[in-house]
Amino acid sequence: MKFIALFVLASVFLLVPQEEFKPITVYLVRHAERADEPRQDPPLTEKGTARAQELARILGNANIKAVITSQFSRTKLTAEPLAKQANVAITSISLSLSPSNPRMISEQSTAEVANKILERGGESVLVVGHSNSIPDVIKKLGGDLSPAIDEKKFDDLFVVTVYARGKAKVAHVKYGSGE
């Protein structure tokens, strides 16, 4: 009897159409070069502003439908030229630090960013974060590569294609001046 009930239940499950996953293309970058002051929330340097413009130029035809940043000015200023060009509002997520390692972003913040991305099925998304947040977001999306980002480098661009929940391919390219 249990076998018949399980068979009927499985048959019904197979007949009900499952939600189809729509692939998402995610462009992730670390914020552009920042000034040294004010220490808490510095703006971009002239070089950083030029890099933000370069990001808008190279992703201008990527059909970006969502832009996600942290609460810090440097991430918003990096995203702003592309967001304006794409006529998309910036979604800012307040990142919190991990209680066990204050140099890392909390699991809750990483999950919040990943969930915002996953809401954008079939679309292209730009995420501007930090050297300690981008690798964890890629991992949370199911990326097949978990990069380490040098704190002195600002030219990394990760293109992540999320093709199923928890499964993604990662391409790593450079953009702008590598100096």
Foldseek 3Di string as FASTA:
>chain_A
DVVVVVVVVVVVVVVDDDDAFFKEKEKEFEFFAFDPPPVVATAHDPLRLVQLLQVLVVCVPVQAAAEEEEPGRRQCSSPVVNCVSNVHDYHYHHWAADPVDRVATHPVSLVVVLVVRSVPGNHYYYYYYHQRRVLSNCQQQQEPDRDHDDNVWGFWIWIWIRNDRNHIYIDIDGTDDGD
